[in-house]
């Protein structure tokens, strides 16, 4: 899977950062866009793929030795040898399956419940909301726009002033617009559209004043 820094080129990054600067010139809101390659580790999915491969390997060994007996024969494989061979096959198949899932992200996603991915993306967004100081602006007017590429999910979080001025559904509607745009446009274009749309509402609800200070950098955060 391509990393966030590989998907967003320099020109696209510049467009997003220009959109942030233009929006913040009209509102006191601090907008922080973040694009992450993945939000969770999803080890369980790799283990599940490895387990299924081990089961298939075990079935293959069973079918190979089924109906064969070494009684009365020299040079045959004794039962303990077959058990050891089965254990080796199971181990190799498990490792091969887990490695395959680690490298083929579409396969790992297939074995990962969507609810788990949603929880991981939401958790990562909330961590960034605090780690990137979106929650620590003087006017409590931070807005996080978070896109996680592997899960193909997005989250928009607003601080107290944003929610208080525009209502609790503002961020939900903005997130819905973002996810819809991501289906039809590239990541940079979708984020720029979301920022422009947010600015139209923020300009009237939280206008910029002469004393406003730009507390957070107007940059796109890329997390590989």
C-alpha atoms as a PDB file:
ATOM      1  CA  UNK A   1       0.000   0.000   0.000  1.00  0.00           C
ATOM      2  CA  UNK A   2       1.261   3.447  -0.889  1.00  0.00           C
ATOM      3  CA  UNK A   3       2.053   5.709   2.016  1.00  0.00           C
ATOM      4  CA  UNK A   4       0.370   9.056   2.636  1.00  0.00           C
ATOM      5  CA  UNK A   5       3.531  10.932   1.637  1.00  0.00           C
ATOM      6  CA  UNK A   6       3.546   9.060  -1.677  1.00  0.00           C
ATOM      7  CA  UNK A   7      -0.107   9.748  -2.477  1.00  0.00           C
ATOM      8  CA  UNK A   8       0.035  13.476  -1.650  1.00  0.00           C
ATOM      9  CA  UNK A   9       2.606  15.197  -3.853  1.00  0.00           C
ATOM     10  CA  UNK A  10       4.156  18.619  -3.284  1.00  0.00           C
ATOM     11  CA  UNK A  11       1.662  20.442  -5.508  1.00  0.00           C
ATOM     12  CA  UNK A  12      -1.324  18.853  -3.783  1.00  0.00           C
ATOM     13  CA  UNK A  13       0.131  19.579  -0.368  1.00  0.00           C
ATOM     14  CA  UNK A  14       0.588  23.220  -1.364  1.00  0.00           C
ATOM     15  CA  UNK A  15      -3.050  23.419  -2.500  1.00  0.00           C
ATOM     16  CA  UNK A  16      -4.303  22.078   0.817  1.00  0.00           C
ATOM     17  CA  UNK A  17      -2.143  24.435   2.844  1.00  0.00           C
ATOM     18  CA  UNK A  18      -3.276  27.389   0.696  1.00  0.00           C
ATOM     19  CA  UNK A  19      -6.887  26.367   1.356  1.00  0.00           C
ATOM     20  CA  UNK A  20      -6.192  26.335   5.119  1.00  0.00           C
ATOM     21  CA  UNK A  21      -4.571  29.785   4.988  1.00  0.00           C
ATOM     22  CA  UNK A  22      -7.429  31.214   2.919  1.00  0.00           C
ATOM     23  CA  UNK A  23     -10.032  29.778   5.299  1.00  0.00           C
ATOM     24  CA  UNK A  24      -8.262  31.014   8.434  1.00  0.00           C
ATOM     25  CA  UNK A  25      -8.007  34.512   6.965  1.00  0.00           C
ATOM     26  CA  UNK A  26     -11.791  34.714   7.364  1.00  0.00           C
ATOM     27  CA  UNK A  27     -12.366  32.844  10.627  1.00  0.00           C
ATOM     28  CA  UNK A  28     -10.763  32.496  14.033  1.00  0.00           C
ATOM     29  CA  UNK A  29     -11.038  28.729  13.691  1.00  0.00           C
ATOM     30  CA  UNK A  30      -7.762  26.788  13.542  1.00  0.00           C
ATOM     31  CA  UNK A  31      -8.024  24.107  10.837  1.00  0.00           C
ATOM     32  CA  UNK A  32      -5.666  21.123  10.936  1.00  0.00           C
ATOM     33  CA  UNK A  33      -5.849  18.590   8.037  1.00  0.00           C
ATOM     34  CA  UNK A  34      -4.225  15.197   8.606  1.00  0.00           C
ATOM     35  CA  UNK A  35      -3.767  12.270   6.213  1.00  0.00           C
ATOM     36  CA  UNK A  36      -2.603   8.948   7.697  1.00  0.00           C
ATOM     37  CA  UNK A  37      -1.589   5.791   5.874  1.00  0.00           C
ATOM     38  CA  UNK A  38      -3.282   3.565   8.461  1.00  0.00           C
ATOM     39  CA  UNK A  39      -4.827   4.045  11.899  1.00  0.00           C
ATOM     40  CA  UNK A  40      -4.518   0.555  13.428  1.00  0.00           C
ATOM     41  CA  UNK A  41      -2.176  -2.453  13.425  1.00  0.00           C
ATOM     42  CA  UNK A  42      -4.820  -5.158  12.786  1.00  0.00           C
ATOM     43  CA  UNK A  43      -2.687  -8.093  13.927  1.00  0.00           C
ATOM     44  CA  UNK A  44      -5.781 -10.224  14.438  1.00  0.00           C
ATOM     45  CA  UNK A  45      -6.585 -10.141  10.724  1.00  0.00           C
ATOM     46  CA  UNK A  46      -3.100 -11.434   9.913  1.00  0.00           C
ATOM     47  CA  UNK A  47      -3.536 -14.223  12.467  1.00  0.00           C
ATOM     48  CA  UNK A  48      -6.896 -15.175  10.954  1.00  0.00           C
ATOM     49  CA  UNK A  49      -5.427 -15.434   7.457  1.00  0.00           C
ATOM     50  CA  UNK A  50      -2.561 -17.499   8.866  1.00  0.00           C
ATOM     51  CA  UNK A  51      -5.033 -19.765  10.672  1.00  0.00           C
ATOM     52  CA  UNK A  52      -7.058 -20.383   7.535  1.00  0.00           C
ATOM     53  CA  UNK A  53      -3.891 -21.182   5.590  1.00  0.00           C
ATOM     54  CA  UNK A  54      -2.855 -23.612   8.350  1.00  0.00           C
ATOM     55  CA  UNK A  55      -6.259 -25.317   8.172  1.00  0.00           C
ATOM     56  CA  UNK A  56      -5.953 -25.693   4.397  1.00  0.00           C
ATOM     57  CA  UNK A  57      -2.433 -27.067   4.827  1.00  0.00           C
ATOM     58  CA  UNK A  58      -3.658 -29.536   7.428  1.00  0.00           C
ATOM     59  CA  UNK A  59      -6.447 -30.682   5.132  1.00  0.00           C
ATOM     60  CA  UNK A  60      -3.906 -31.165   2.359  1.00  0.00           C
ATOM     61  CA  UNK A  61      -1.701 -33.312   4.596  1.00  0.00           C
ATOM     62  CA  UNK A  62      -4.712 -35.358   5.740  1.00  0.00           C
ATOM     63  CA  UNK A  63      -5.799 -36.032   2.160  1.00  0.00           C
ATOM     64  CA  UNK A  64      -2.237 -36.991   1.223  1.00  0.00           C
ATOM     65  CA  UNK A  65      -1.888 -39.579   3.984  1.00  0.00           C
ATOM     66  CA  UNK A  66      -5.530 -40.675   4.090  1.00  0.00           C
ATOM     67  CA  UNK A  67      -5.964 -44.411   3.526  1.00  0.00           C
ATOM     68  CA  UNK A  68      -2.230 -45.153   3.653  1.00  0.00           C
ATOM     69  CA  UNK A  69      -0.656 -47.412   6.230  1.00  0.00           C
ATOM     70  CA  UNK A  70       2.911 -48.367   6.859  1.00  0.00           C
ATOM     71  CA  UNK A  71       2.129 -51.661   8.663  1.00  0.00           C
ATOM     72  CA  UNK A  72       4.346 -54.494   7.433  1.00  0.00           C
ATOM     73  CA  UNK A  73       6.499 -52.150   5.315  1.00  0.00           C
ATOM     74  CA  UNK A  74      10.102 -51.107   5.609  1.00  0.00           C
ATOM     75  CA  UNK A  75      11.052 -47.532   4.877  1.00  0.00           C
ATOM     76  CA  UNK A  76       7.576 -46.073   5.468  1.00  0.00           C
ATOM     77  CA  UNK A  77       6.923 -42.922   7.497  1.00  0.00           C
ATOM     78  CA  UNK A  78       5.967 -43.868  11.084  1.00  0.00           C
ATOM     79  CA  UNK A  79       3.004 -42.190  12.766  1.00  0.00           C
ATOM     80  CA  UNK A  80       5.223 -39.909  14.850  1.00  0.00           C
ATOM     81  CA  UNK A  81       6.915 -38.773  11.650  1.00  0.00           C
ATOM     82  CA  UNK A  82       3.575 -37.922  10.126  1.00  0.00           C
ATOM     83  CA  UNK A  83       2.651 -35.913  13.236  1.00  0.00           C
ATOM     84  CA  UNK A  84       5.915 -33.967  13.045  1.00  0.00           C
ATOM     85  CA  UNK A  85       5.404 -33.390   9.322  1.00  0.00           C
ATOM     86  CA  UNK A  86       1.859 -32.150   9.989  1.00  0.00           C
ATOM     87  CA  UNK A  87       3.098 -29.752  12.682  1.00  0.00           C
ATOM     88  CA  UNK A  88       5.751 -28.356  10.340  1.00  0.00           C
ATOM     89  CA  UNK A  89       3.218 -27.861   7.542  1.00  0.00           C
ATOM     90  CA  UNK A  90       0.778 -26.111   9.885  1.00  0.00           C
ATOM     91  CA  UNK A  91       3.498 -23.773  11.158  1.00  0.00           C
ATOM     92  CA  UNK A  92       4.785 -22.935   7.675  1.00  0.00           C
ATOM     93  CA  UNK A  93       1.268 -22.343   6.340  1.00  0.00           C
ATOM     94  CA  UNK A  94       0.417 -20.077   9.278  1.00  0.00           C
ATOM     95  CA  UNK A  95       3.565 -17.990   8.820  1.00  0.00           C
ATOM     96  CA  UNK A  96       3.005 -17.810   5.060  1.00  0.00           C
ATOM     97  CA  UNK A  97      -0.607 -16.706   5.516  1.00  0.00           C
ATOM     98  CA  UNK A  98       0.252 -14.057   8.112  1.00  0.00           C
ATOM     99  CA  UNK A  99       3.051 -12.713   5.918  1.00  0.00           C
ATOM    100  CA  UNK A 100       0.753 -12.624   2.903  1.00  0.00           C
ATOM    101  CA  UNK A 101      -1.877 -10.672   4.847  1.00  0.00           C
ATOM    102  CA  UNK A 102       0.779  -8.238   6.057  1.00  0.00           C
ATOM    103  CA  UNK A 103       1.826  -7.470   2.477  1.00  0.00           C
ATOM    104  CA  UNK A 104      -1.554  -7.690   0.724  1.00  0.00           C
ATOM    105  CA  UNK A 105      -3.573  -4.988   2.450  1.00  0.00           C
ATOM    106  CA  UNK A 106      -6.750  -5.835   0.550  1.00  0.00           C
ATOM    107  CA  UNK A 107      -6.597  -9.351   2.010  1.00  0.00           C
ATOM    108  CA  UNK A 108      -6.016  -8.034   5.533  1.00  0.00           C
ATOM    109  CA  UNK A 109      -8.909  -5.590   5.133  1.00  0.00           C
ATOM    110  CA  UNK A 110     -11.152  -8.490   4.065  1.00  0.00           C
ATOM    111  CA  UNK A 111     -10.550 -10.200   7.412  1.00  0.00           C
ATOM    112  CA  UNK A 112     -10.918  -7.036   9.505  1.00  0.00           C
ATOM    113  CA  UNK A 113     -14.430  -6.141  10.747  1.00  0.00           C
ATOM    114  CA  UNK A 114     -15.523  -2.714   9.546  1.00  0.00           C
ATOM    115  CA  UNK A 115     -16.579  -1.797  13.082  1.00  0.00           C
ATOM    116  CA  UNK A 116     -13.040  -2.432  14.316  1.00  0.00           C
ATOM    117  CA  UNK A 117     -11.598  -0.192  11.614  1.00  0.00           C
ATOM    118  CA  UNK A 118     -14.104   2.518  12.488  1.00  0.00           C
ATOM    119  CA  UNK A 119     -13.130   2.352  16.156  1.00  0.00           C
ATOM    120  CA  UNK A 120      -9.414   2.518  15.310  1.00  0.00           C
ATOM    121  CA  UNK A 121      -9.906   5.549  13.045  1.00  0.00           C
ATOM    122  CA  UNK A 122     -12.001   7.375  15.643  1.00  0.00           C
ATOM    123  CA  UNK A 123      -9.450   6.604  18.359  1.00  0.00           C
ATOM    124  CA  UNK A 124      -6.574   7.832  16.200  1.00  0.00           C
ATOM    125  CA  UNK A 125      -8.458  11.017  15.329  1.00  0.00           C
ATOM    126  CA  UNK A 126      -9.116  11.787  18.985  1.00  0.00           C
ATOM    127  CA  UNK A 127      -5.463  11.175  19.849  1.00  0.00           C
ATOM    128  CA  UNK A 128      -4.405  13.607  17.130  1.00  0.00           C
ATOM    129  CA  UNK A 129      -7.003  16.117  18.317  1.00  0.00           C
ATOM    130  CA  UNK A 130      -4.988  16.423  21.529  1.00  0.00           C
ATOM    131  CA  UNK A 131      -1.470  15.588  20.301  1.00  0.00           C
ATOM    132  CA  UNK A 132      -1.591  18.217  17.551  1.00  0.00           C
ATOM    133  CA  UNK A 133      -2.973  20.773  20.033  1.00  0.00           C
ATOM    134  CA  UNK A 134      -6.224  21.215  18.096  1.00  0.00           C
ATOM    135  CA  UNK A 135      -7.977  21.072  21.463  1.00  0.00           C
ATOM    136  CA  UNK A 136      -5.665  23.629  23.070  1.00  0.00           C
ATOM    137  CA  UNK A 137      -6.389  26.822  21.133  1.00  0.00           C
ATOM    138  CA  UNK A 138      -7.194  29.917  23.175  1.00  0.00           C
ATOM    139  CA  UNK A 139     -10.710  30.230  21.810  1.00  0.00           C
ATOM    140  CA  UNK A 140     -11.424  26.462  21.758  1.00  0.00           C
ATOM    141  CA  UNK A 141     -12.028  26.836  18.022  1.00  0.00           C
ATOM    142  CA  UNK A 142      -9.913  24.032  16.563  1.00  0.00           C
ATOM    143  CA  UNK A 143     -11.142  21.833  13.708  1.00  0.00           C
ATOM    144  CA  UNK A 144      -9.466  18.530  12.799  1.00  0.00           C
ATOM    145  CA  UNK A 145     -10.008  17.029   9.335  1.00  0.00           C
ATOM    146  CA  UNK A 146      -8.649  13.470   9.420  1.00  0.00           C
ATOM    147  CA  UNK A 147      -8.399  10.989   6.523  1.00  0.00           C
ATOM    148  CA  UNK A 148      -7.132   7.423   7.035  1.00  0.00           C
ATOM    149  CA  UNK A 149      -6.232   5.816   3.705  1.00  0.00           C
ATOM    150  CA  UNK A 150      -6.088   2.102   4.562  1.00  0.00           C
ATOM    151  CA  UNK A 151      -9.528   2.050   6.194  1.00  0.00           C
ATOM    152  CA  UNK A 152     -10.945   4.495   3.614  1.00  0.00           C
ATOM    153  CA  UNK A 153     -12.568   6.441   6.418  1.00  0.00           C
ATOM    154  CA  UNK A 154     -12.554  10.050   7.620  1.00  0.00           C
ATOM    155  CA  UNK A 155     -13.329  11.913  10.843  1.00  0.00           C
ATOM    156  CA  UNK A 156     -14.010  15.600  11.461  1.00  0.00           C
ATOM    157  CA  UNK A 157     -13.716  16.852  15.050  1.00  0.00           C
ATOM    158  CA  UNK A 158     -14.514  20.348  16.248  1.00  0.00           C
ATOM    159  CA  UNK A 159     -13.700  21.972  19.573  1.00  0.00           C
ATOM    160  CA  UNK A 160     -16.261  23.560  21.921  1.00  0.00           C
ATOM    161  CA  UNK A 161     -16.614  26.892  20.106  1.00  0.00           C
ATOM    162  CA  UNK A 162     -17.140  25.223  16.736  1.00  0.00           C
ATOM    163  CA  UNK A 163     -19.808  22.864  18.074  1.00  0.00           C
ATOM    164  CA  UNK A 164     -21.420  25.625  20.131  1.00  0.00           C
ATOM    165  CA  UNK A 165     -21.625  28.062  17.201  1.00  0.00           C
ATOM    166  CA  UNK A 166     -22.657  25.654  14.444  1.00  0.00           C
ATOM    167  CA  UNK A 167     -24.312  22.777  16.298  1.00  0.00           C
ATOM    168  CA  UNK A 168     -23.333  19.148  16.879  1.00  0.00           C
ATOM    169  CA  UNK A 169     -24.292  18.100  13.333  1.00  0.00           C
ATOM    170  CA  UNK A 170     -21.856  20.476  11.645  1.00  0.00           C
ATOM    171  CA  UNK A 171     -18.883  18.122  11.937  1.00  0.00           C
ATOM    172  CA  UNK A 172     -21.002  15.112  10.978  1.00  0.00           C
ATOM    173  CA  UNK A 173     -22.280  16.844   7.838  1.00  0.00           C
ATOM    174  CA  UNK A 174     -18.768  18.008   7.000  1.00  0.00           C
ATOM    175  CA  UNK A 175     -17.445  14.456   7.409  1.00  0.00           C
ATOM    176  CA  UNK A 176     -20.188  13.108   5.162  1.00  0.00           C
ATOM    177  CA  UNK A 177     -19.263  15.662   2.508  1.00  0.00           C
ATOM    178  CA  UNK A 178     -15.609  14.669   2.830  1.00  0.00           C
ATOM    179  CA  UNK A 179     -16.246  10.933   2.448  1.00  0.00           C
ATOM    180  CA  UNK A 180     -18.505  11.551  -0.542  1.00  0.00           C
ATOM    181  CA  UNK A 181     -15.827  13.684  -2.190  1.00  0.00           C
ATOM    182  CA  UNK A 182     -13.198  11.022  -1.520  1.00  0.00           C
ATOM    183  CA  UNK A 183     -15.212   8.542  -3.590  1.00  0.00           C
ATOM    184  CA  UNK A 184     -15.200  10.845  -6.608  1.00  0.00           C
ATOM    185  CA  UNK A 185     -11.987  12.889  -6.312  1.00  0.00           C
ATOM    186  CA  UNK A 186      -8.395  12.520  -5.199  1.00  0.00           C
ATOM    187  CA  UNK A 187      -7.567  13.004  -1.523  1.00  0.00           C
ATOM    188  CA  UNK A 188      -6.181  16.525  -1.930  1.00  0.00           C
ATOM    189  CA  UNK A 189      -9.188  17.785  -3.905  1.00  0.00           C
ATOM    190  CA  UNK A 190     -11.609  16.265  -1.377  1.00  0.00           C
ATOM    191  CA  UNK A 191      -9.832  17.911   1.568  1.00  0.00           C
ATOM    192  CA  UNK A 192      -9.693  21.289  -0.213  1.00  0.00           C
ATOM    193  CA  UNK A 193     -13.408  21.087  -0.988  1.00  0.00           C
ATOM    194  CA  UNK A 194     -14.152  20.271   2.660  1.00  0.00           C
ATOM    195  CA  UNK A 195     -12.040  23.184   3.899  1.00  0.00           C
ATOM    196  CA  UNK A 196     -13.708  25.644   1.510  1.00  0.00           C
ATOM    197  CA  UNK A 197     -17.155  24.413   2.537  1.00  0.00           C
ATOM    198  CA  UNK A 198     -16.291  24.644   6.235  1.00  0.00           C
ATOM    199  CA  UNK A 199     -14.907  28.153   5.810  1.00  0.00           C
ATOM    200  CA  UNK A 200     -18.214  29.384   4.372  1.00  0.00           C
ATOM    201  CA  UNK A 201     -19.997  28.443   7.599  1.00  0.00           C
ATOM    202  CA  UNK A 202     -17.170  29.339   9.976  1.00  0.00           C
ATOM    203  CA  UNK A 203     -16.763  32.832   8.527  1.00  0.00           C
ATOM    204  CA  UNK A 204     -20.212  33.866   9.710  1.00  0.00           C
ATOM    205  CA  UNK A 205     -20.312  31.866  12.942  1.00  0.00           C
ATOM    206  CA  UNK A 206     -16.733  32.446  14.109  1.00  0.00           C
ATOM    207  CA  UNK A 207     -15.390  35.450  12.170  1.00  0.00           C
ATOM    208  CA  UNK A 208     -11.762  36.472  12.404  1.00  0.00           C
ATOM    209  CA  UNK A 209     -11.047  39.555  14.499  1.00  0.00           C
ATOM    210  CA  UNK A 210      -8.150  41.991  14.507  1.00  0.00           C
ATOM    211  CA  UNK A 211      -6.641  40.436  17.625  1.00  0.00           C
ATOM    212  CA  UNK A 212      -6.679  36.830  16.401  1.00  0.00           C
ATOM    213  CA  UNK A 213      -3.345  35.015  16.415  1.00  0.00           C
ATOM    214  CA  UNK A 214      -2.508  32.067  14.185  1.00  0.00           C
ATOM    215  CA  UNK A 215      -1.799  29.478  16.904  1.00  0.00           C
ATOM    216  CA  UNK A 216      -1.266  26.377  14.778  1.00  0.00           C
ATOM    217  CA  UNK A 217       0.771  25.945  11.575  1.00  0.00           C
ATOM    218  CA  UNK A 218      -1.233  26.067   8.311  1.00  0.00           C
ATOM    219  CA  UNK A 219       0.311  22.815   7.164  1.00  0.00           C
ATOM    220  CA  UNK A 220      -0.894  19.388   6.087  1.00  0.00           C
ATOM    221  CA  UNK A 221       0.161  16.661   8.512  1.00  0.00           C
ATOM    222  CA  UNK A 222       1.172  13.401   6.803  1.00  0.00           C
ATOM    223  CA  UNK A 223       1.491  10.263   8.915  1.00  0.00           C
ATOM    224  CA  UNK A 224       3.186   7.317   7.222  1.00  0.00           C
END
